[in-house]
Amino acid sequence: MSARKIAASGALQQSVTVEARQARLSLSAGSVIIHRNGIEFRSSVPFAPWREMTLTLQSPRDNSRVHCSGVVISCTGNKHTGYHVSMVFTGLSKQAQARLNTMAHSTVG
């Protein structure tokens, strides 16, 4: 995952949906950090490393959605304090990357 952040957690004003076979999370904007090649989020449930997942990110401006696939590369924490999950995007099209960049850089206005 890239060390360069695209946006602070406040850039997304809508929820983010993370879905795997056994779990579906709807996350607040404050619990998500978007990077150039991936995403980090806090979760109350653990995810196994190398688990393939799908994400839906919703734009704060026009409510358009970006659907992404990714792989969990790290999940640390415990059931008492929650889990910090890092995942990288896989197979992101140029169009999805452009929409993701626009979404991450948008501000509330």
Protein backbone atom coordinates (compact mmCIF):
# COMPACT_ATOMS: atom_id res chain seq x y z
CA MET A 1 0.00 0.00 0.00
CA SER A 2 1.28 3.43 -0.81
CA ALA A 3 2.39 5.63 2.06
CA ARG A 4 0.99 8.73 0.33
CA LYS A 5 -2.55 9.55 1.42
CA ILE A 6 -5.01 10.81 -1.19
CA ALA A 7 -7.40 12.26 1.34
CA ALA A 8 -7.98 12.77 5.00
CA SER A 9 -10.78 10.81 6.55
CA GLY A 10 -13.08 13.84 6.43
CA ALA A 11 -13.12 13.96 2.62
CA LEU A 12 -15.76 11.25 2.28
CA GLN A 13 -19.06 12.37 3.73
CA GLN A 14 -21.07 9.23 3.01
CA SER A 15 -20.69 5.66 4.18
CA VAL A 16 -18.38 3.06 2.73
CA THR A 17 -19.62 -0.50 2.28
CA VAL A 18 -17.15 -3.37 2.63
CA GLU A 19 -18.40 -6.82 1.77
CA ALA A 20 -16.98 -10.33 2.02
CA ARG A 21 -18.84 -13.63 1.94
CA GLN A 22 -19.40 -13.72 5.68
CA ALA A 23 -19.56 -10.01 6.50
CA ARG A 24 -20.97 -6.74 5.20
CA LEU A 25 -19.94 -3.49 6.88
CA SER A 26 -21.28 0.00 6.41
CA LEU A 27 -18.53 2.31 7.66
CA SER A 28 -18.67 5.97 8.56
CA ALA A 29 -16.45 8.42 6.69
CA GLY A 30 -14.43 9.02 9.87
CA SER A 31 -13.30 5.40 10.02
CA VAL A 32 -11.88 5.29 6.47
CA ILE A 33 -8.56 6.47 5.01
CA ILE A 34 -8.11 6.23 1.26
CA HIS A 35 -4.64 5.77 -0.22
CA ARG A 36 -3.57 5.81 -3.85
CA ASN A 37 -3.63 1.99 -4.07
CA GLY A 38 -5.85 0.96 -1.19
CA ILE A 39 -7.90 1.74 1.86
CA GLU A 40 -7.66 1.44 5.64
CA PHE A 41 -10.60 1.22 7.99
CA ARG A 42 -11.63 0.32 11.53
CA SER A 43 -13.88 -2.68 11.97
CA SER A 44 -15.60 -4.45 14.83
CA VAL A 45 -15.08 -7.79 13.06
CA PRO A 46 -11.76 -9.30 11.90
CA PHE A 47 -10.93 -10.14 8.28
CA ALA A 48 -8.49 -12.85 7.31
CA PRO A 49 -5.36 -11.72 5.42
CA TRP A 50 -5.52 -12.42 1.68
CA ARG A 51 -9.33 -12.37 1.77
CA GLU A 52 -10.78 -10.92 -1.44
CA MET A 53 -13.45 -8.30 -0.84
CA THR A 54 -15.57 -5.77 -2.68
CA LEU A 55 -16.09 -2.13 -1.70
CA THR A 56 -18.66 0.47 -2.59
CA LEU A 57 -17.64 4.08 -2.01
CA GLN A 58 -20.26 6.80 -2.39
CA SER A 59 -19.43 10.33 -3.55
CA PRO A 60 -20.35 13.18 -1.21
CA ARG A 61 -21.15 15.45 -4.17
CA ASP A 62 -23.42 13.54 -6.53
CA ASN A 63 -24.01 10.26 -4.66
CA SER A 64 -22.33 8.33 -7.49
CA ARG A 65 -20.71 5.09 -6.46
CA VAL A 66 -17.39 3.45 -7.17
CA HIS A 67 -17.27 -0.33 -6.90
CA CYS A 68 -13.80 -1.74 -6.20
CA SER A 69 -12.23 -5.10 -5.48
CA GLY A 70 -9.36 -5.59 -3.10
CA VAL A 71 -7.37 -7.96 -0.95
CA VAL A 72 -6.87 -7.64 2.81
CA ILE A 73 -3.15 -7.37 3.52
CA SER A 74 -3.32 -6.71 7.26
CA CYS A 75 -5.80 -6.99 10.10
CA THR A 76 -4.55 -6.13 13.58
CA GLY A 77 -6.35 -5.63 16.87
CA ASN A 78 -8.75 -7.60 19.01
CA LYS A 79 -12.46 -7.91 19.77
CA HIS A 80 -12.22 -5.45 22.67
CA THR A 81 -10.54 -2.54 20.89
CA GLY A 82 -11.60 -3.28 17.31
CA TYR A 83 -9.55 -4.13 14.24
CA HIS A 84 -7.46 -1.99 11.91
CA VAL A 85 -7.82 -3.42 8.39
CA SER A 86 -5.59 -2.51 5.42
CA MET A 87 -6.38 -3.63 1.92
CA VAL A 88 -5.05 -2.97 -1.56
CA PHE A 89 -7.21 -2.45 -4.62
CA THR A 90 -6.95 -5.05 -7.37
CA GLY A 91 -7.87 -4.60 -11.00
CA LEU A 92 -8.94 -0.97 -10.63
CA SER A 93 -9.88 0.41 -14.05
CA LYS A 94 -8.66 3.83 -15.16
CA GLN A 95 -12.24 5.11 -15.00
CA ALA A 96 -12.73 3.81 -11.44
CA GLN A 97 -9.35 5.26 -10.41
CA ALA A 98 -10.34 8.66 -11.83
CA ARG A 99 -13.70 8.60 -10.03
CA LEU A 100 -11.98 7.52 -6.81
CA ASN A 101 -9.47 10.39 -7.11
CA THR A 102 -12.29 12.87 -7.72
CA MET A 103 -14.21 11.49 -4.76
CA ALA A 104 -11.21 11.61 -2.45
CA HIS A 105 -10.36 15.20 -3.39
CA SER A 106 -13.91 16.54 -3.22
CA THR A 107 -14.76 18.90 -0.40
CA VAL A 108 -18.00 19.82 1.22
CA GLY A 109 -19.17 23.07 -0.27
